[in-house]
Structures are given as structure tokens and as C-alpha cells.
Amino acid sequence: KCPSRQKMLVREVILKGRGESWVFARSLVPYTSLTGRLKALK
């Protein structure tokens, strides 16, 4: 529910199990959400 020009922190990772690539994960955090406890996401 964000406007189209909202600045986002984009994080892409591979979750690995037993040395193998199991899950591709993509997380998006709007700039306006990076306050309080969510600051740690940076």
C-alpha cells in the first residue's frame, strides 16, 4: 500500500540448507518503515 515512487530497501538472499540453495528470498522495506525496531533491517 505504498506510492509508486516510495524508496525501498531491497534485500535478496539465498537460504541454504546443508550447503545447498533451498530458498530465494526477496524483502522490501519502505524507507518510511525503517524506524524504531525496524532500523536493524539495514
Full PDB file with SEQRES, HELIX, SHEET, SSBOND, CRYST1, ORIGX, SCALE, CONECT and MASTER records, all heavy atoms in Angstrom:
SEQRES   1 A   42  LYS CYS PRO SER ARG GLN LYS MET LEU VAL ARG GLU VAL          
SEQRES   2 A   42  ILE LEU LYS GLY ARG GLY GLU SER TRP VAL PHE ALA ARG          
SEQRES   3 A   42  SER LEU VAL PRO TYR THR SER LEU THR GLY ARG LEU LYS          
SEQRES   4 A   42  ALA LEU LYS                                                  
HELIX    1 AA1 TYR A   31  SER A   33  5                                   3    
HELIX    2 AA2 GLY A   36  LEU A   41  5                                   6    
SHEET    1 AA1 2 MET A   8  GLY A  17  0                                        
SHEET    2 AA1 2 GLU A  20  PRO A  30 -1                                        
CRYST1    1.000    1.000    1.000  90.00  90.00  90.00 P 1           1          
ORIGX1      1.000000  0.000000  0.000000        0.00000                         
ORIGX2      0.000000  1.000000  0.000000        0.00000                         
ORIGX3      0.000000  0.000000  1.000000        0.00000                         
SCALE1      1.000000  0.000000  0.000000        0.00000                         
SCALE2      0.000000  1.000000  0.000000        0.00000                         
SCALE3      0.000000  0.000000  1.000000        0.00000                         
ATOM      1  N   LYS A   1       0.829  -1.206   0.000  1.00  0.00           N  
ATOM      2  CA  LYS A   1       0.000   0.000   0.000  1.00  0.00           C  
ATOM      3  C   LYS A   1       0.866   1.259   0.000  1.00  0.00           C  
ATOM      4  O   LYS A   1       0.666   2.182   0.793  1.00  0.00           O  
ATOM      5  CB  LYS A   1      -0.967  -0.014   1.175  1.00  0.00           C  
ATOM      6  CG  LYS A   1      -1.930  -1.184   1.151  1.00  0.00           C  
ATOM      7  CD  LYS A   1      -2.789  -1.231   2.392  1.00  0.00           C  
ATOM      8  CE  LYS A   1      -3.716  -2.400   2.391  1.00  0.00           C  
ATOM      9  NZ  LYS A   1      -3.133  -3.652   2.809  1.00  0.00           N  
ATOM     10  N   CYS A   2       1.866   1.258  -0.895  1.00  0.00           N  
ATOM     11  CA  CYS A   2       2.829   2.355  -0.990  1.00  0.00           C  
ATOM     12  C   CYS A   2       2.686   3.092  -2.311  1.00  0.00           C  
ATOM     13  O   CYS A   2       2.319   2.491  -3.320  1.00  0.00           O  
ATOM     14  CB  CYS A   2       4.262   1.819  -0.909  1.00  0.00           C  
ATOM     15  SG  CYS A   2       4.760   1.328   0.725  1.00  0.00           S  
ATOM     16  N   PRO A   3       3.032   4.382  -2.320  1.00  0.00           N  
ATOM     17  CA  PRO A   3       3.042   5.129  -3.588  1.00  0.00           C  
ATOM     18  C   PRO A   3       4.154   4.618  -4.501  1.00  0.00           C  
ATOM     19  O   PRO A   3       5.140   4.049  -4.048  1.00  0.00           O  
ATOM     20  CB  PRO A   3       3.301   6.571  -3.155  1.00  0.00           C  
ATOM     21  CG  PRO A   3       3.865   6.491  -1.789  1.00  0.00           C  
ATOM     22  CD  PRO A   3       3.385   5.206  -1.176  1.00  0.00           C  
ATOM     23  N   SER A   4       4.000   4.847  -5.799  1.00  0.00           N  
ATOM     24  CA  SER A   4       4.919   4.267  -6.785  1.00  0.00           C  
ATOM     25  C   SER A   4       6.345   4.785  -6.665  1.00  0.00           C  
ATOM     26  O   SER A   4       7.275   4.120  -7.085  1.00  0.00           O  
ATOM     27  CB  SER A   4       4.396   4.495  -8.197  1.00  0.00           C  
ATOM     28  OG  SER A   4       4.319   5.878  -8.464  1.00  0.00           O  
ATOM     29  N   ARG A   5       6.556   5.933  -6.122  1.00  0.00           N  
ATOM     30  CA  ARG A   5       7.917   6.478  -6.020  1.00  0.00           C  
ATOM     31  C   ARG A   5       8.546   6.260  -4.644  1.00  0.00           C  
ATOM     32  O   ARG A   5       9.574   6.840  -4.333  1.00  0.00           O  
ATOM     33  CB  ARG A   5       7.919   7.957  -6.366  1.00  0.00           C  
ATOM     34  CG  ARG A   5       7.481   8.198  -7.786  1.00  0.00           C  
ATOM     35  CD  ARG A   5       7.897   9.572  -8.230  1.00  0.00           C  
ATOM     36  NE  ARG A   5       7.387   9.818  -9.566  1.00  0.00           N  
ATOM     37  CZ  ARG A   5       8.109   9.703 -10.648  1.00  0.00           C  
ATOM     38  NH1 ARG A   5       9.363   9.335 -10.575  1.00  0.00           N  
ATOM     39  NH2 ARG A   5       7.582   9.951 -11.825  1.00  0.00           N  
ATOM     40  N   GLN A   6       7.928   5.414  -3.841  1.00  0.00           N  
ATOM     41  CA  GLN A   6       8.446   5.141  -2.497  1.00  0.00           C  
ATOM     42  C   GLN A   6       9.818   4.490  -2.571  1.00  0.00           C  
ATOM     43  O   GLN A   6       9.995   3.485  -3.250  1.00  0.00           O  
ATOM     44  CB  GLN A   6       7.478   4.215  -1.748  1.00  0.00           C  
ATOM     45  CG  GLN A   6       7.959   3.748  -0.391  1.00  0.00           C  
ATOM     46  CD  GLN A   6       7.961   4.844   0.642  1.00  0.00           C  
ATOM     47  OE1 GLN A   6       6.944   5.429   0.924  1.00  0.00           O  
ATOM     48  NE2 GLN A   6       9.110   5.124   1.207  1.00  0.00           N  
ATOM     49  N   LYS A   7      10.774   5.047  -1.882  1.00  0.00           N  
ATOM     50  CA  LYS A   7      12.119   4.480  -1.804  1.00  0.00           C  
ATOM     51  C   LYS A   7      12.058   3.209  -0.951  1.00  0.00           C  
ATOM     52  O   LYS A   7      11.424   3.195   0.103  1.00  0.00           O  
ATOM     53  CB  LYS A   7      13.048   5.515  -1.166  1.00  0.00           C  
ATOM     54  CG  LYS A   7      14.504   5.192  -1.212  1.00  0.00           C  
ATOM     55  CD  LYS A   7      15.284   6.377  -0.641  1.00  0.00           C  
ATOM     56  CE  LYS A   7      16.756   6.132  -0.632  1.00  0.00           C  
ATOM     57  NZ  LYS A   7      17.480   7.279  -0.053  1.00  0.00           N  
ATOM     58  N   MET A   8      12.711   2.135  -1.438  1.00  0.00           N  
ATOM     59  CA  MET A   8      12.657   0.836  -0.763  1.00  0.00           C  
ATOM     60  C   MET A   8      14.048   0.299  -0.479  1.00  0.00           C  
ATOM     61  O   MET A   8      14.940   0.398  -1.323  1.00  0.00           O  
ATOM     62  CB  MET A   8      11.969  -0.202  -1.650  1.00  0.00           C  
ATOM     63  CG  MET A   8      10.551   0.050  -1.994  1.00  0.00           C  
ATOM     64  SD  MET A   8       9.471  -0.490  -0.669  1.00  0.00           S  
ATOM     65  CE  MET A   8       7.937   0.151  -1.282  1.00  0.00           C  
ATOM     66  N   LEU A   9      14.200  -0.319   0.680  1.00  0.00           N  
ATOM     67  CA  LEU A   9      15.363  -1.140   0.946  1.00  0.00           C  
ATOM     68  C   LEU A   9      15.024  -2.521   0.400  1.00  0.00           C  
ATOM     69  O   LEU A   9      14.049  -3.144   0.828  1.00  0.00           O  
ATOM     70  CB  LEU A   9      15.666  -1.215   2.439  1.00  0.00           C  
ATOM     71  CG  LEU A   9      16.850  -2.093   2.834  1.00  0.00           C  
ATOM     72  CD1 LEU A   9      18.154  -1.514   2.279  1.00  0.00           C  
ATOM     73  CD2 LEU A   9      16.940  -2.243   4.338  1.00  0.00           C  
ATOM     74  N   VAL A  10      15.788  -2.980  -0.588  1.00  0.00           N  
ATOM     75  CA  VAL A  10      15.551  -4.275  -1.226  1.00  0.00           C  
ATOM     76  C   VAL A  10      16.668  -5.216  -0.783  1.00  0.00           C  
ATOM     77  O   VAL A  10      17.844  -4.898  -0.910  1.00  0.00           O  
ATOM     78  CB  VAL A  10      15.538  -4.149  -2.764  1.00  0.00           C  
ATOM     79  CG1 VAL A  10      15.302  -5.507  -3.403  1.00  0.00           C  
ATOM     80  CG2 VAL A  10      14.485  -3.140  -3.210  1.00  0.00           C  
ATOM     81  N   ARG A  11      16.263  -6.370  -0.273  1.00  0.00           N  
ATOM     82  CA  ARG A  11      17.228  -7.374   0.190  1.00  0.00           C  
ATOM     83  C   ARG A  11      16.902  -8.691  -0.481  1.00  0.00           C  
ATOM     84  O   ARG A  11      15.759  -9.168  -0.409  1.00  0.00           O  
ATOM     85  CB  ARG A  11      17.132  -7.509   1.707  1.00  0.00           C  
ATOM     86  CG  ARG A  11      18.106  -8.503   2.303  1.00  0.00           C  
ATOM     87  CD  ARG A  11      18.039  -8.405   3.832  1.00  0.00           C  
ATOM     88  NE  ARG A  11      19.090  -9.167   4.434  1.00  0.00           N  
ATOM     89  CZ  ARG A  11      18.911 -10.345   5.061  1.00  0.00           C  
ATOM     90  NH1 ARG A  11      17.715 -10.871   5.147  1.00  0.00           N  
ATOM     91  NH2 ARG A  11      19.928 -10.968   5.600  1.00  0.00           N  
ATOM     92  N   GLU A  12      17.881  -9.270  -1.152  1.00  0.00           N  
ATOM     93  CA  GLU A  12      17.712 -10.568  -1.797  1.00  0.00           C  
ATOM     94  C   GLU A  12      18.773 -11.514  -1.255  1.00  0.00           C  
ATOM     95  O   GLU A  12      19.958 -11.160  -1.223  1.00  0.00           O  
ATOM     96  CB  GLU A  12      17.824 -10.425  -3.312  1.00  0.00           C  
ATOM     97  CG  GLU A  12      16.694  -9.585  -3.893  1.00  0.00           C  
ATOM     98  CD  GLU A  12      16.862  -9.303  -5.369  1.00  0.00           C  
ATOM     99  OE1 GLU A  12      17.992  -9.038  -5.820  1.00  0.00           O  
ATOM    100  OE2 GLU A  12      15.844  -9.352  -6.062  1.00  0.00           O  
ATOM    101  N   VAL A  13      18.317 -12.686  -0.823  1.00  0.00           N  
ATOM    102  CA  VAL A  13      19.212 -13.669  -0.222  1.00  0.00           C  
ATOM    103  C   VAL A  13      18.868 -15.062  -0.710  1.00  0.00           C  
ATOM    104  O   VAL A  13      17.783 -15.304  -1.240  1.00  0.00           O  
ATOM    105  CB  VAL A  13      19.143 -13.648   1.334  1.00  0.00           C  
ATOM    106  CG1 VAL A  13      19.512 -12.290   1.901  1.00  0.00           C  
ATOM    107  CG2 VAL A  13      17.775 -14.087   1.826  1.00  0.00           C  
ATOM    108  N   ILE A  14      19.801 -15.973  -0.490  1.00  0.00           N  
ATOM    109  CA  ILE A  14      19.553 -17.403  -0.662  1.00  0.00           C  
ATOM    110  C   ILE A  14      19.618 -18.021   0.739  1.00  0.00           C  
ATOM    111  O   ILE A  14      20.583 -17.809   1.476  1.00  0.00           O  
ATOM    112  CB  ILE A  14      20.620 -18.079  -1.560  1.00  0.00           C  
ATOM    113  CG1 ILE A  14      20.625 -17.467  -2.947  1.00  0.00           C  
ATOM    114  CG2 ILE A  14      20.386 -19.589  -1.618  1.00  0.00           C  
ATOM    115  CD1 ILE A  14      19.372 -17.696  -3.745  1.00  0.00           C  
ATOM    116  N   LEU A  15      18.581 -18.755   1.095  1.00  0.00           N  
ATOM    117  CA  LEU A  15      18.582 -19.510   2.339  1.00  0.00           C  
ATOM    118  C   LEU A  15      19.089 -20.901   1.979  1.00  0.00           C  
ATOM    119  O   LEU A  15      18.511 -21.587   1.127  1.00  0.00           O  
ATOM    120  CB  LEU A  15      17.173 -19.570   2.930  1.00  0.00           C  
ATOM    121  CG  LEU A  15      16.496 -18.207   3.159  1.00  0.00           C  
ATOM    122  CD1 LEU A  15      15.093 -18.395   3.702  1.00  0.00           C  
ATOM    123  CD2 LEU A  15      17.334 -17.330   4.062  1.00  0.00           C  
ATOM    124  N   LYS A  16      20.194 -21.277   2.621  1.00  0.00           N  
ATOM    125  CA  LYS A  16      20.863 -22.534   2.277  1.00  0.00           C  
ATOM    126  C   LYS A  16      20.710 -23.550   3.399  1.00  0.00           C  
ATOM    127  O   LYS A  16      20.829 -23.216   4.575  1.00  0.00           O  
ATOM    128  CB  LYS A  16      22.346 -22.286   2.022  1.00  0.00           C  
ATOM    129  CG  LYS A  16      22.613 -21.482   0.776  1.00  0.00           C  
ATOM    130  CD  LYS A  16      24.092 -21.396   0.504  1.00  0.00           C  
ATOM    131  CE  LYS A  16      24.322 -21.025  -0.936  1.00  0.00           C  
ATOM    132  NZ  LYS A  16      25.696 -21.274  -1.339  1.00  0.00           N  
ATOM    133  N   GLY A  17      20.492 -24.775   3.001  1.00  0.00           N  
ATOM    134  CA  GLY A  17      20.434 -25.898   3.924  1.00  0.00           C  
ATOM    135  C   GLY A  17      21.397 -26.963   3.457  1.00  0.00           C  
ATOM    136  O   GLY A  17      21.443 -27.286   2.260  1.00  0.00           O  
ATOM    137  N   ARG A  18      22.210 -27.450   4.378  1.00  0.00           N  
ATOM    138  CA  ARG A  18      23.201 -28.492   4.052  1.00  0.00           C  
ATOM    139  C   ARG A  18      24.068 -28.093   2.858  1.00  0.00           C  
ATOM    140  O   ARG A  18      24.426 -28.915   2.018  1.00  0.00           O  
ATOM    141  CB  ARG A  18      22.517 -29.827   3.791  1.00  0.00           C  
ATOM    142  CG  ARG A  18      21.736 -30.348   4.980  1.00  0.00           C  
ATOM    143  CD  ARG A  18      21.117 -31.707   4.698  1.00  0.00           C  
ATOM    144  NE  ARG A  18      19.890 -31.811   5.449  1.00  0.00           N  
ATOM    145  CZ  ARG A  18      18.753 -32.291   4.961  1.00  0.00           C  
ATOM    146  NH1 ARG A  18      18.684 -32.744   3.734  1.00  0.00           N  
ATOM    147  NH2 ARG A  18      17.681 -32.348   5.705  1.00  0.00           N  
ATOM    148  N   GLY A  19      24.353 -26.803   2.751  1.00  0.00           N  
ATOM    149  CA  GLY A  19      25.217 -26.296   1.693  1.00  0.00           C  
ATOM    150  C   GLY A  19      24.541 -26.107   0.347  1.00  0.00           C  
ATOM    151  O   GLY A  19      25.181 -25.693  -0.613  1.00  0.00           O  
ATOM    152  N   GLU A  20      23.249 -26.388   0.269  1.00  0.00           N  
ATOM    153  CA  GLU A  20      22.517 -26.277  -0.989  1.00  0.00           C  
ATOM    154  C   GLU A  20      21.587 -25.062  -0.963  1.00  0.00           C  
ATOM    155  O   GLU A  20      21.073 -24.690   0.092  1.00  0.00           O  
ATOM    156  CB  GLU A  20      21.676 -27.539  -1.232  1.00  0.00           C  
ATOM    157  CG  GLU A  20      22.509 -28.799  -1.354  1.00  0.00           C  
ATOM    158  CD  GLU A  20      21.635 -30.033  -1.484  1.00  0.00           C  
ATOM    159  OE1 GLU A  20      20.547 -30.086  -0.875  1.00  0.00           O  
ATOM    160  OE2 GLU A  20      22.055 -30.946  -2.206  1.00  0.00           O  
ATOM    161  N   SER A  21      21.356 -24.483  -2.137  1.00  0.00           N  
ATOM    162  CA  SER A  21      20.452 -23.340  -2.258  1.00  0.00           C  
ATOM    163  C   SER A  21      19.014 -23.836  -2.198  1.00  0.00           C  
ATOM    164  O   SER A  21      18.542 -24.495  -3.118  1.00  0.00           O  
ATOM    165  CB  SER A  21      20.706 -22.613  -3.583  1.00  0.00           C  
ATOM    166  OG  SER A  21      22.004 -22.089  -3.611  1.00  0.00           O  
ATOM    167  N   TRP A  22      18.315 -23.506  -1.114  1.00  0.00           N  
ATOM    168  CA  TRP A  22      16.970 -24.013  -0.902  1.00  0.00           C  
ATOM    169  C   TRP A  22      15.876 -22.997  -1.206  1.00  0.00           C  
ATOM    170  O   TRP A  22      14.836 -23.346  -1.739  1.00  0.00           O  
ATOM    171  CB  TRP A  22      16.809 -24.490   0.544  1.00  0.00           C  
ATOM    172  CG  TRP A  22      17.350 -25.860   0.790  1.00  0.00           C  
ATOM    173  CD1 TRP A  22      17.965 -26.689  -0.103  1.00  0.00           C  
ATOM    174  CD2 TRP A  22      17.318 -26.581   2.016  1.00  0.00           C  
ATOM    175  NE1 TRP A  22      18.314 -27.875   0.490  1.00  0.00           N  
ATOM    176  CE2 TRP A  22      17.926 -27.828   1.800  1.00  0.00           C  
ATOM    177  CE3 TRP A  22      16.838 -26.287   3.286  1.00  0.00           C  
ATOM    178  CZ2 TRP A  22      18.058 -28.785   2.806  1.00  0.00           C  
ATOM    179  CZ3 TRP A  22      16.972 -27.227   4.279  1.00  0.00           C  
ATOM    180  CH2 TRP A  22      17.579 -28.474   4.046  1.00  0.00           C  
ATOM    181  N   VAL A  23      16.093 -21.731  -0.832  1.00  0.00           N  
ATOM    182  CA  VAL A  23      15.036 -20.720  -0.971  1.00  0.00           C  
ATOM    183  C   VAL A  23      15.656 -19.399  -1.407  1.00  0.00           C  
ATOM    184  O   VAL A  23      16.657 -18.962  -0.831  1.00  0.00           O  
ATOM    185  CB  VAL A  23      14.273 -20.518   0.365  1.00  0.00           C  
ATOM    186  CG1 VAL A  23      13.259 -19.383   0.263  1.00  0.00           C  
ATOM    187  CG2 VAL A  23      13.588 -21.804   0.803  1.00  0.00           C  
ATOM    188  N   PHE A  24      15.057 -18.784  -2.421  1.00  0.00           N  
ATOM    189  CA  PHE A  24      15.392 -17.414  -2.785  1.00  0.00           C  
ATOM    190  C   PHE A  24      14.396 -16.525  -2.048  1.00  0.00           C  
ATOM    191  O   PHE A  24      13.186 -16.739  -2.133  1.00  0.00           O  
ATOM    192  CB  PHE A  24      15.258 -17.194  -4.295  1.00  0.00           C  
ATOM    193  CG  PHE A  24      15.288 -15.746  -4.697  1.00  0.00           C  
ATOM    194  CD1 PHE A  24      16.473 -15.035  -4.684  1.00  0.00           C  
ATOM    195  CD2 PHE A  24      14.130 -15.095  -5.086  1.00  0.00           C  
ATOM    196  CE1 PHE A  24      16.501 -13.689  -5.038  1.00  0.00           C  
ATOM    197  CE2 PHE A  24      14.141 -13.762  -5.452  1.00  0.00           C  
ATOM    198  CZ  PHE A  24      15.336 -13.050  -5.424  1.00  0.00           C  
ATOM    199  N   ALA A  25      14.890 -15.554  -1.293  1.00  0.00           N  
ATOM    200  CA  ALA A  25      14.013 -14.651  -0.549  1.00  0.00           C  
ATOM    201  C   ALA A  25      14.283 -13.210  -0.958  1.00  0.00           C  
ATOM    202  O   ALA A  25      15.435 -12.795  -1.107  1.00  0.00           O  
ATOM    203  CB  ALA A  25      14.227 -14.829   0.955  1.00  0.00           C  
ATOM    204  N   ARG A  26      13.204 -12.474  -1.154  1.00  0.00           N  
ATOM    205  CA  ARG A  26      13.272 -11.061  -1.525  1.00  0.00           C  
ATOM    206  C   ARG A  26      12.424 -10.290  -0.516  1.00  0.00           C  
ATOM    207  O   ARG A  26      11.245 -10.599  -0.323  1.00  0.00           O  
ATOM    208  CB  ARG A  26      12.731 -10.875  -2.939  1.00  0.00           C  
ATOM    209  CG  ARG A  26      12.623  -9.434  -3.401  1.00  0.00           C  
ATOM    210  CD  ARG A  26      12.195  -9.384  -4.866  1.00  0.00           C  
ATOM    211  NE  ARG A  26      11.647  -8.099  -5.250  1.00  0.00           N  
ATOM    212  CZ  ARG A  26      12.366  -7.052  -5.625  1.00  0.00           C  
ATOM    213  NH1 ARG A  26      13.681  -7.134  -5.648  1.00  0.00           N  
ATOM    214  NH2 ARG A  26      11.786  -5.921  -5.969  1.00  0.00           N  
ATOM    215  N   SER A  27      13.039  -9.317   0.136  1.00  0.00           N  
ATOM    216  CA  SER A  27      12.349  -8.498   1.127  1.00  0.00           C  
ATOM    217  C   SER A  27      12.398  -7.048   0.704  1.00  0.00           C  
ATOM    218  O   SER A  27      13.425  -6.571   0.220  1.00  0.00           O  
ATOM    219  CB  SER A  27      13.017  -8.643   2.503  1.00  0.00           C  
ATOM    220  OG  SER A  27      13.098  -9.993   2.869  1.00  0.00           O  
ATOM    221  N   LEU A  28      11.293  -6.347   0.900  1.00  0.00           N  
ATOM    222  CA  LEU A  28      11.205  -4.925   0.597  1.00  0.00           C  
ATOM    223  C   LEU A  28      10.715  -4.177   1.821  1.00  0.00           C  
ATOM    224  O   LEU A  28       9.686  -4.540   2.396  1.00  0.00           O  
ATOM    225  CB  LEU A  28      10.242  -4.673  -0.561  1.00  0.00           C  
ATOM    226  CG  LEU A  28      10.767  -5.181  -1.886  1.00  0.00           C  
ATOM    227  CD1 LEU A  28      10.066  -6.439  -2.274  1.00  0.00           C  
ATOM    228  CD2 LEU A  28      10.620  -4.130  -2.932  1.00  0.00           C  
ATOM    229  N   VAL A  29      11.471  -3.158   2.186  1.00  0.00           N  
ATOM    230  CA  VAL A  29      11.107  -2.350   3.340  1.00  0.00           C  
ATOM    231  C   VAL A  29      11.012  -0.904   2.877  1.00  0.00           C  
ATOM    232  O   VAL A  29      12.016  -0.318   2.457  1.00  0.00           O  
ATOM    233  CB  VAL A  29      12.155  -2.465   4.470  1.00  0.00           C  
ATOM    234  CG1 VAL A  29      11.668  -1.748   5.713  1.00  0.00           C  
ATOM    235  CG2 VAL A  29      12.473  -3.914   4.766  1.00  0.00           C  
ATOM    236  N   PRO A  30       9.815  -0.307   2.925  1.00  0.00           N  
ATOM    237  CA  PRO A  30       9.714   1.098   2.563  1.00  0.00           C  
ATOM    238  C   PRO A  30      10.614   1.954   3.460  1.00  0.00           C  
ATOM    239  O   PRO A  30      10.768   1.674   4.652  1.00  0.00           O  
ATOM    240  CB  PRO A  30       8.241   1.436   2.806  1.00  0.00           C  
ATOM    241  CG  PRO A  30       7.535   0.119   2.778  1.00  0.00           C  
ATOM    242  CD  PRO A  30       8.529  -0.878   3.300  1.00  0.00           C  
ATOM    243  N   TYR A  31      11.195   2.980   2.884  1.00  0.00           N  
ATOM    244  CA  TYR A  31      12.063   3.895   3.625  1.00  0.00           C  
ATOM    245  C   TYR A  31      11.363   4.400   4.882  1.00  0.00           C  
ATOM    246  O   TYR A  31      11.976   4.491   5.943  1.00  0.00           O  
ATOM    247  CB  TYR A  31      12.462   5.065   2.711  1.00  0.00           C  
ATOM    248  CG  TYR A  31      13.287   6.116   3.397  1.00  0.00           C  
ATOM    249  CD1 TYR A  31      14.638   5.895   3.641  1.00  0.00           C  
ATOM    250  CD2 TYR A  31      12.724   7.316   3.809  1.00  0.00           C  
ATOM    251  CE1 TYR A  31      15.408   6.841   4.279  1.00  0.00           C  
ATOM    252  CE2 TYR A  31      13.484   8.269   4.454  1.00  0.00           C  
ATOM    253  CZ  TYR A  31      14.823   8.035   4.684  1.00  0.00           C  
ATOM    254  OH  TYR A  31      15.578   8.977   5.326  1.00  0.00           O  
ATOM    255  N   THR A  32      10.071   4.673   4.751  1.00  0.00           N  
ATOM    256  CA  THR A  32       9.316   5.204   5.888  1.00  0.00           C  
ATOM    257  C   THR A  32       9.132   4.174   7.009  1.00  0.00           C  
ATOM    258  O   THR A  32       8.774   4.543   8.122  1.00  0.00           O  
ATOM    259  CB  THR A  32       7.936   5.705   5.429  1.00  0.00           C  
ATOM    260  OG1 THR A  32       7.270   4.631   4.737  1.00  0.00           O  
ATOM    261  CG2 THR A  32       8.068   6.905   4.498  1.00  0.00           C  
ATOM    262  N   SER A  33       9.374   2.894   6.734  1.00  0.00           N  
ATOM    263  CA  SER A  33       9.256   1.849   7.754  1.00  0.00           C  
ATOM    264  C   SER A  33      10.548   1.648   8.542  1.00  0.00           C  
ATOM    265  O   SER A  33      10.547   0.943   9.549  1.00  0.00           O  
ATOM    266  CB  SER A  33       8.863   0.515   7.113  1.00  0.00           C  
ATOM    267  OG  SER A  33       7.532   0.523   6.679  1.00  0.00           O  
ATOM    268  N   LEU A  34      11.644   2.211   8.079  1.00  0.00           N  
ATOM    269  CA  LEU A  34      12.944   1.959   8.722  1.00  0.00           C  
ATOM    270  C   LEU A  34      13.145   2.851   9.947  1.00  0.00           C  
ATOM    271  O   LEU A  34      14.103   3.604  10.050  1.00  0.00           O  
ATOM    272  CB  LEU A  34      14.070   2.154   7.711  1.00  0.00           C  
ATOM    273  CG  LEU A  34      14.141   1.064   6.644  1.00  0.00           C  
ATOM    274  CD1 LEU A  34      15.075   1.467   5.523  1.00  0.00           C  
ATOM    275  CD2 LEU A  34      14.560  -0.252   7.250  1.00  0.00           C  
ATOM    276  N   THR A  35      12.208   2.716  10.878  1.00  0.00           N  
ATOM    277  CA  THR A  35      12.272   3.451  12.136  1.00  0.00           C  
ATOM    278  C   THR A  35      12.135   2.459  13.282  1.00  0.00           C  
ATOM    279  O   THR A  35      11.755   1.309  13.084  1.00  0.00           O  
ATOM    280  CB  THR A  35      11.141   4.500  12.216  1.00  0.00           C  
ATOM    281  OG1 THR A  35       9.884   3.812  12.191  1.00  0.00           O  
ATOM    282  CG2 THR A  35      11.210   5.500  11.073  1.00  0.00           C  
ATOM    283  N   GLY A  36      12.412   2.901  14.491  1.00  0.00           N  
ATOM    284  CA  GLY A  36      12.243   2.055  15.664  1.00  0.00           C  
ATOM    285  C   GLY A  36      12.974   0.741  15.532  1.00  0.00           C  
ATOM    286  O   GLY A  36      14.125   0.674  15.109  1.00  0.00           O  
ATOM    287  N   ARG A  37      12.271  -0.339  15.848  1.00  0.00           N  
ATOM    288  CA  ARG A  37      12.889  -1.673  15.823  1.00  0.00           C  
ATOM    289  C   ARG A  37      13.264  -2.115  14.409  1.00  0.00           C  
ATOM    290  O   ARG A  37      14.140  -2.962  14.246  1.00  0.00           O  
ATOM    291  CB  ARG A  37      11.960  -2.685  16.484  1.00  0.00           C  
ATOM    292  CG  ARG A  37      11.757  -2.392  17.968  1.00  0.00           C  
ATOM    293  CD  ARG A  37      11.005  -3.493  18.672  1.00  0.00           C  
ATOM    294  NE  ARG A  37       9.707  -3.772  18.135  1.00  0.00           N  
ATOM    295  CZ  ARG A  37       8.553  -3.339  18.640  1.00  0.00           C  
ATOM    296  NH1 ARG A  37       8.555  -2.567  19.703  1.00  0.00           N  
ATOM    297  NH2 ARG A  37       7.404  -3.665  18.108  1.00  0.00           N  
ATOM    298  N   LEU A  38      12.617  -1.569  13.389  1.00  0.00           N  
ATOM    299  CA  LEU A  38      12.928  -1.964  12.016  1.00  0.00           C  
ATOM    300  C   LEU A  38      14.214  -1.332  11.490  1.00  0.00           C  
ATOM    301  O   LEU A  38      14.694  -1.727  10.433  1.00  0.00           O  
ATOM    302  CB  LEU A  38      11.767  -1.634  11.080  1.00  0.00           C  
ATOM    303  CG  LEU A  38      10.571  -2.570  11.182  1.00  0.00           C  
ATOM    304  CD1 LEU A  38       9.488  -2.168  10.192  1.00  0.00           C  
ATOM    305  CD2 LEU A  38      10.973  -4.004  10.951  1.00  0.00           C  
ATOM    306  N   LYS A  39      14.789  -0.385  12.215  1.00  0.00           N  
ATOM    307  CA  LYS A  39      16.075   0.194  11.800  1.00  0.00           C  
ATOM    308  C   LYS A  39      17.141  -0.890  11.639  1.00  0.00           C  
ATOM    309  O   LYS A  39      18.027  -0.781  10.805  1.00  0.00           O  
ATOM    310  CB  LYS A  39      16.563   1.213  12.835  1.00  0.00           C  
ATOM    311  CG  LYS A  39      16.393   2.612  12.431  1.00  0.00           C  
ATOM    312  CD  LYS A  39      17.057   3.514  13.473  1.00  0.00           C  
ATOM    313  CE  LYS A  39      16.668   4.930  13.217  1.00  0.00           C  
ATOM    314  NZ  LYS A  39      17.184   5.840  14.214  1.00  0.00           N  
ATOM    315  N   ALA A  40      17.054  -1.922  12.451  1.00  0.00           N  
ATOM    316  CA  ALA A  40      18.041  -3.008  12.432  1.00  0.00           C  
ATOM    317  C   ALA A  40      18.083  -3.722  11.090  1.00  0.00           C  
ATOM    318  O   ALA A  40      19.080  -4.375  10.769  1.00  0.00           O  
ATOM    319  CB  ALA A  40      17.743  -4.007  13.544  1.00  0.00           C  
ATOM    320  N   LEU A  41      17.036  -3.609  10.284  1.00  0.00           N  
ATOM    321  CA  LEU A  41      16.998  -4.299   8.991  1.00  0.00           C  
ATOM    322  C   LEU A  41      18.091  -3.809   8.051  1.00  0.00           C  
ATOM    323  O   LEU A  41      18.522  -4.548   7.168  1.00  0.00           O  
ATOM    324  CB  LEU A  41      15.636  -4.124   8.322  1.00  0.00           C  
ATOM    325  CG  LEU A  41      14.456  -4.758   9.047  1.00  0.00           C  
ATOM    326  CD1 LEU A  41      13.172  -4.526   8.270  1.00  0.00           C  
ATOM    327  CD2 LEU A  41      14.677  -6.235   9.273  1.00  0.00           C  
ATOM    328  N   LYS A  42      18.542  -2.585   8.231  1.00  0.00           N  
ATOM    329  CA  LYS A  42      19.598  -2.053   7.365  1.00  0.00           C  
ATOM    330  C   LYS A  42      20.923  -2.766   7.587  1.00  0.00           C  
ATOM    331  O   LYS A  42      21.820  -2.671   6.766  1.00  0.00           O  
ATOM    332  CB  LYS A  42      19.781  -0.549   7.610  1.00  0.00           C  
ATOM    333  CG  LYS A  42      18.608   0.293   7.163  1.00  0.00           C  
ATOM    334  CD  LYS A  42      18.948   1.764   7.184  1.00  0.00           C  
ATOM    335  CE  LYS A  42      18.834   2.322   8.574  1.00  0.00           C  
ATOM    336  NZ  LYS A  42      18.968   3.790   8.618  1.00  0.00           N  
TER     337      LYS A  42                                                      
MASTER        0    0    0    2    2    0    0    6  336    1    0    4          
END                                                                             
